[in-house]
Amino acid sequence: MFTQEKNRFYLGDPVHPTAEIVFEQIGEDTLSVSHTFVDESLRGQGIAEKLLDAVADHARSGHKKLSATCSYARKKLDGSEKYRDIAVLE
């Protein structure tokens, strides 16, 4: 569903995506989500959570933890059981 580049997953055009999540590696074993965007035309369809799931799966496959400076991702990581195994709780 999403295209993966080095530090992001996105939907649509790479220059002007209709949805994207951006992350970076911080430390040896942690990824941090810094930005999540979903165009208004796609909102309400769970796209942001699917993007976060893609990053979570990427983190799990690399045996990494996941944190966030993005408010959306931080709220999901702190409040959802499905990310407990990888979430860095703050």
N, C-alpha and C. Protein backbone atom coordinates (compact mmCIF):
# COMPACT_ATOMS: atom_id res chain seq x y z
N MET A 1 0.82 -1.19 0.00
CA MET A 1 0.00 0.00 0.00
C MET A 1 0.87 1.27 0.00
N PHE A 2 1.90 1.30 0.85
CA PHE A 2 2.76 2.48 0.96
C PHE A 2 4.10 2.22 0.28
N THR A 3 4.72 3.29 -0.15
CA THR A 3 6.07 3.22 -0.68
C THR A 3 7.02 3.56 0.46
N GLN A 4 8.10 2.81 0.57
CA GLN A 4 9.08 3.08 1.61
C GLN A 4 10.33 3.70 1.00
N GLU A 5 10.78 4.75 1.61
CA GLU A 5 12.09 5.32 1.33
C GLU A 5 12.90 5.15 2.61
N LYS A 6 14.12 5.61 2.61
CA LYS A 6 15.00 5.40 3.75
C LYS A 6 14.33 5.73 5.09
N ASN A 7 13.78 6.92 5.23
CA ASN A 7 13.23 7.34 6.52
C ASN A 7 11.77 7.76 6.46
N ARG A 8 11.02 7.17 5.55
CA ARG A 8 9.60 7.49 5.50
C ARG A 8 8.83 6.43 4.72
N PHE A 9 7.54 6.40 5.00
CA PHE A 9 6.57 5.66 4.20
C PHE A 9 5.61 6.71 3.67
N TYR A 10 5.17 6.56 2.43
CA TYR A 10 4.26 7.56 1.87
C TYR A 10 3.30 6.93 0.88
N LEU A 11 2.27 7.72 0.55
CA LEU A 11 1.25 7.32 -0.41
C LEU A 11 1.16 8.42 -1.45
N GLY A 12 1.16 8.04 -2.73
CA GLY A 12 1.04 9.02 -3.80
C GLY A 12 2.38 9.48 -4.32
N ASP A 13 2.41 10.70 -4.77
CA ASP A 13 3.59 11.30 -5.38
C ASP A 13 4.69 11.50 -4.34
N PRO A 14 5.94 11.12 -4.63
CA PRO A 14 7.00 11.27 -3.64
C PRO A 14 7.30 12.73 -3.25
N VAL A 15 7.07 13.66 -4.16
CA VAL A 15 7.35 15.06 -3.86
C VAL A 15 6.18 15.70 -3.10
N HIS A 16 4.97 15.33 -3.47
CA HIS A 16 3.76 15.86 -2.82
C HIS A 16 2.85 14.69 -2.42
N PRO A 17 3.24 13.94 -1.39
CA PRO A 17 2.46 12.77 -1.01
C PRO A 17 1.08 13.15 -0.45
N THR A 18 0.14 12.23 -0.60
CA THR A 18 -1.18 12.44 -0.01
C THR A 18 -1.20 11.97 1.44
N ALA A 19 -0.21 11.17 1.81
CA ALA A 19 -0.05 10.74 3.19
C ALA A 19 1.40 10.31 3.38
N GLU A 20 1.94 10.60 4.57
CA GLU A 20 3.31 10.16 4.84
C GLU A 20 3.58 10.13 6.33
N ILE A 21 4.56 9.33 6.68
CA ILE A 21 5.08 9.30 8.04
C ILE A 21 6.60 9.30 7.92
N VAL A 22 7.23 10.16 8.70
CA VAL A 22 8.67 10.35 8.65
C VAL A 22 9.27 9.91 9.98
N PHE A 23 10.37 9.20 9.92
CA PHE A 23 11.02 8.73 11.14
C PHE A 23 12.53 8.83 10.97
N GLU A 24 13.24 8.76 12.08
CA GLU A 24 14.69 8.80 12.04
C GLU A 24 15.24 7.84 13.07
N GLN A 25 16.45 7.42 12.85
CA GLN A 25 17.10 6.55 13.82
C GLN A 25 17.74 7.44 14.87
N ILE A 26 17.44 7.15 16.12
CA ILE A 26 18.09 7.86 17.23
C ILE A 26 18.74 6.80 18.10
N GLY A 27 20.00 6.86 18.22
CA GLY A 27 20.71 5.80 18.93
C GLY A 27 20.79 4.56 18.07
N GLU A 28 21.33 3.53 18.67
CA GLU A 28 21.55 2.29 17.92
C GLU A 28 20.30 1.46 17.73
N ASP A 29 19.40 1.54 18.70
CA ASP A 29 18.26 0.61 18.68
C ASP A 29 16.89 1.27 18.76
N THR A 30 16.80 2.55 18.37
CA THR A 30 15.52 3.25 18.47
C THR A 30 15.24 4.09 17.23
N LEU A 31 14.00 4.00 16.75
CA LEU A 31 13.51 4.88 15.69
C LEU A 31 12.54 5.87 16.34
N SER A 32 12.49 7.09 15.81
CA SER A 32 11.57 8.09 16.33
C SER A 32 10.75 8.69 15.20
N VAL A 33 9.44 8.68 15.35
CA VAL A 33 8.53 9.28 14.37
C VAL A 33 8.50 10.78 14.62
N SER A 34 8.81 11.56 13.58
CA SER A 34 8.86 13.01 13.74
C SER A 34 7.71 13.72 13.04
N HIS A 35 7.01 13.04 12.13
CA HIS A 35 5.97 13.72 11.36
C HIS A 35 5.00 12.71 10.77
N THR A 36 3.72 13.03 10.87
CA THR A 36 2.67 12.25 10.21
C THR A 36 1.74 13.22 9.51
N PHE A 37 1.43 12.92 8.25
CA PHE A 37 0.54 13.78 7.48
C PHE A 37 -0.42 12.93 6.67
N VAL A 38 -1.70 13.32 6.68
CA VAL A 38 -2.71 12.69 5.83
C VAL A 38 -3.53 13.83 5.22
N ASP A 39 -3.61 13.84 3.90
CA ASP A 39 -4.39 14.85 3.20
C ASP A 39 -5.86 14.78 3.64
N GLU A 40 -6.51 15.93 3.64
CA GLU A 40 -7.92 16.00 4.05
C GLU A 40 -8.80 15.01 3.29
N SER A 41 -8.48 14.77 2.04
CA SER A 41 -9.31 13.86 1.22
C SER A 41 -9.26 12.42 1.70
N LEU A 42 -8.26 12.08 2.51
CA LEU A 42 -8.10 10.70 3.00
C LEU A 42 -8.40 10.55 4.48
N ARG A 43 -8.66 11.63 5.15
CA ARG A 43 -8.86 11.56 6.60
C ARG A 43 -10.12 10.77 6.95
N GLY A 44 -10.07 10.15 8.12
CA GLY A 44 -11.20 9.35 8.59
C GLY A 44 -11.19 7.92 8.08
N GLN A 45 -10.13 7.52 7.40
CA GLN A 45 -10.03 6.17 6.84
C GLN A 45 -8.99 5.30 7.55
N GLY A 46 -8.39 5.84 8.61
CA GLY A 46 -7.39 5.08 9.35
C GLY A 46 -6.02 5.06 8.70
N ILE A 47 -5.77 5.95 7.77
CA ILE A 47 -4.49 5.96 7.03
C ILE A 47 -3.32 6.27 7.97
N ALA A 48 -3.49 7.23 8.87
CA ALA A 48 -2.40 7.60 9.79
C ALA A 48 -1.99 6.40 10.64
N GLU A 49 -2.96 5.65 11.13
CA GLU A 49 -2.63 4.48 11.94
C GLU A 49 -1.96 3.40 11.09
N LYS A 50 -2.38 3.24 9.86
CA LYS A 50 -1.73 2.27 8.97
C LYS A 50 -0.29 2.68 8.69
N LEU A 51 -0.05 3.98 8.55
CA LEU A 51 1.33 4.46 8.38
C LEU A 51 2.16 4.13 9.63
N LEU A 52 1.59 4.39 10.80
CA LEU A 52 2.30 4.07 12.05
C LEU A 52 2.54 2.57 12.16
N ASP A 53 1.57 1.77 11.74
CA ASP A 53 1.75 0.32 11.74
C ASP A 53 2.92 -0.09 10.84
N ALA A 54 3.07 0.59 9.70
CA ALA A 54 4.17 0.29 8.79
C ALA A 54 5.52 0.58 9.45
N VAL A 55 5.61 1.70 10.15
CA VAL A 55 6.86 2.02 10.86
C VAL A 55 7.08 1.04 12.01
N ALA A 56 6.01 0.68 12.71
CA ALA A 56 6.13 -0.28 13.81
C ALA A 56 6.63 -1.63 13.29
N ASP A 57 6.09 -2.09 12.17
CA ASP A 57 6.56 -3.35 11.58
C ASP A 57 8.02 -3.25 11.15
N HIS A 58 8.40 -2.09 10.61
CA HIS A 58 9.79 -1.84 10.22
C HIS A 58 10.69 -1.90 11.45
N ALA A 59 10.26 -1.28 12.54
CA ALA A 59 11.05 -1.30 13.78
C ALA A 59 11.17 -2.73 14.31
N ARG A 60 10.08 -3.45 14.33
CA ARG A 60 10.11 -4.83 14.82
C ARG A 60 11.05 -5.71 13.99
N SER A 61 11.00 -5.54 12.68
CA SER A 61 11.85 -6.38 11.82
C SER A 61 13.33 -6.08 12.02
N GLY A 62 13.64 -4.87 12.47
CA GLY A 62 15.02 -4.51 12.75
C GLY A 62 15.39 -4.61 14.22
N HIS A 63 14.49 -5.20 15.02
CA HIS A 63 14.69 -5.36 16.46
C HIS A 63 14.98 -4.03 17.13
N LYS A 64 14.16 -3.02 16.79
CA LYS A 64 14.33 -1.68 17.34
C LYS A 64 13.09 -1.28 18.13
N LYS A 65 13.26 -0.29 18.98
CA LYS A 65 12.17 0.32 19.73
C LYS A 65 11.67 1.52 18.93
N LEU A 66 10.52 2.06 19.33
CA LEU A 66 9.91 3.18 18.61
C LEU A 66 9.48 4.26 19.59
N SER A 67 9.92 5.49 19.31
CA SER A 67 9.48 6.64 20.08
C SER A 67 8.90 7.65 19.10
N ALA A 68 8.48 8.82 19.60
CA ALA A 68 7.89 9.81 18.70
C ALA A 68 7.99 11.21 19.29
N THR A 69 8.25 12.16 18.40
CA THR A 69 8.11 13.56 18.73
C THR A 69 6.83 14.09 18.08
N CYS A 70 6.32 13.38 17.12
CA CYS A 70 5.04 13.70 16.48
C CYS A 70 3.91 13.44 17.49
N SER A 71 3.03 14.42 17.69
CA SER A 71 1.99 14.28 18.71
C SER A 71 1.03 13.12 18.41
N TYR A 72 0.68 12.92 17.17
CA TYR A 72 -0.23 11.82 16.81
C TYR A 72 0.41 10.48 17.18
N ALA A 73 1.64 10.27 16.71
CA ALA A 73 2.32 8.99 16.96
C ALA A 73 2.58 8.79 18.45
N ARG A 74 2.94 9.84 19.15
CA ARG A 74 3.19 9.74 20.60
C ARG A 74 1.93 9.27 21.32
N LYS A 75 0.80 9.86 20.99
CA LYS A 75 -0.47 9.49 21.63
C LYS A 75 -0.79 8.02 21.36
N LYS A 76 -0.61 7.58 20.12
CA LYS A 76 -0.88 6.18 19.77
C LYS A 76 0.07 5.23 20.48
N LEU A 77 1.35 5.57 20.52
CA LEU A 77 2.33 4.70 21.17
C LEU A 77 2.04 4.57 22.66
N ASP A 78 1.66 5.67 23.28
CA ASP A 78 1.38 5.65 24.73
C ASP A 78 0.06 4.96 25.06
N GLY A 79 -0.90 4.99 24.13
CA GLY A 79 -2.24 4.54 24.47
C GLY A 79 -2.70 3.23 23.87
N SER A 80 -1.89 2.58 23.05
CA SER A 80 -2.36 1.38 22.38
C SER A 80 -1.53 0.15 22.76
N GLU A 81 -2.23 -0.87 23.12
CA GLU A 81 -1.59 -2.13 23.50
C GLU A 81 -0.78 -2.74 22.35
N LYS A 82 -1.20 -2.49 21.12
CA LYS A 82 -0.52 -3.15 19.99
C LYS A 82 0.91 -2.66 19.77
N TYR A 83 1.28 -1.55 20.38
CA TYR A 83 2.66 -1.05 20.26
C TYR A 83 3.48 -1.26 21.51
N ARG A 84 2.90 -1.87 22.54
CA ARG A 84 3.60 -2.03 23.84
C ARG A 84 4.97 -2.70 23.71
N ASP A 85 5.08 -3.65 22.81
CA ASP A 85 6.33 -4.39 22.69
C ASP A 85 7.49 -3.55 22.16
N ILE A 86 7.20 -2.45 21.50
CA ILE A 86 8.28 -1.64 20.92
C ILE A 86 8.29 -0.20 21.38
N ALA A 87 7.22 0.25 22.04
CA ALA A 87 7.11 1.66 22.41
C ALA A 87 8.10 2.03 23.52
N VAL A 88 8.74 3.17 23.29
CA VAL A 88 9.54 3.80 24.33
C VAL A 88 8.57 4.77 25.02
N LEU A 89 8.15 4.41 26.20
CA LEU A 89 7.15 5.22 26.91
C LEU A 89 7.80 6.43 27.54
N GLU A 90 7.12 7.55 27.43
CA GLU A 90 7.68 8.79 27.98
C GLU A 90 6.74 9.38 29.00
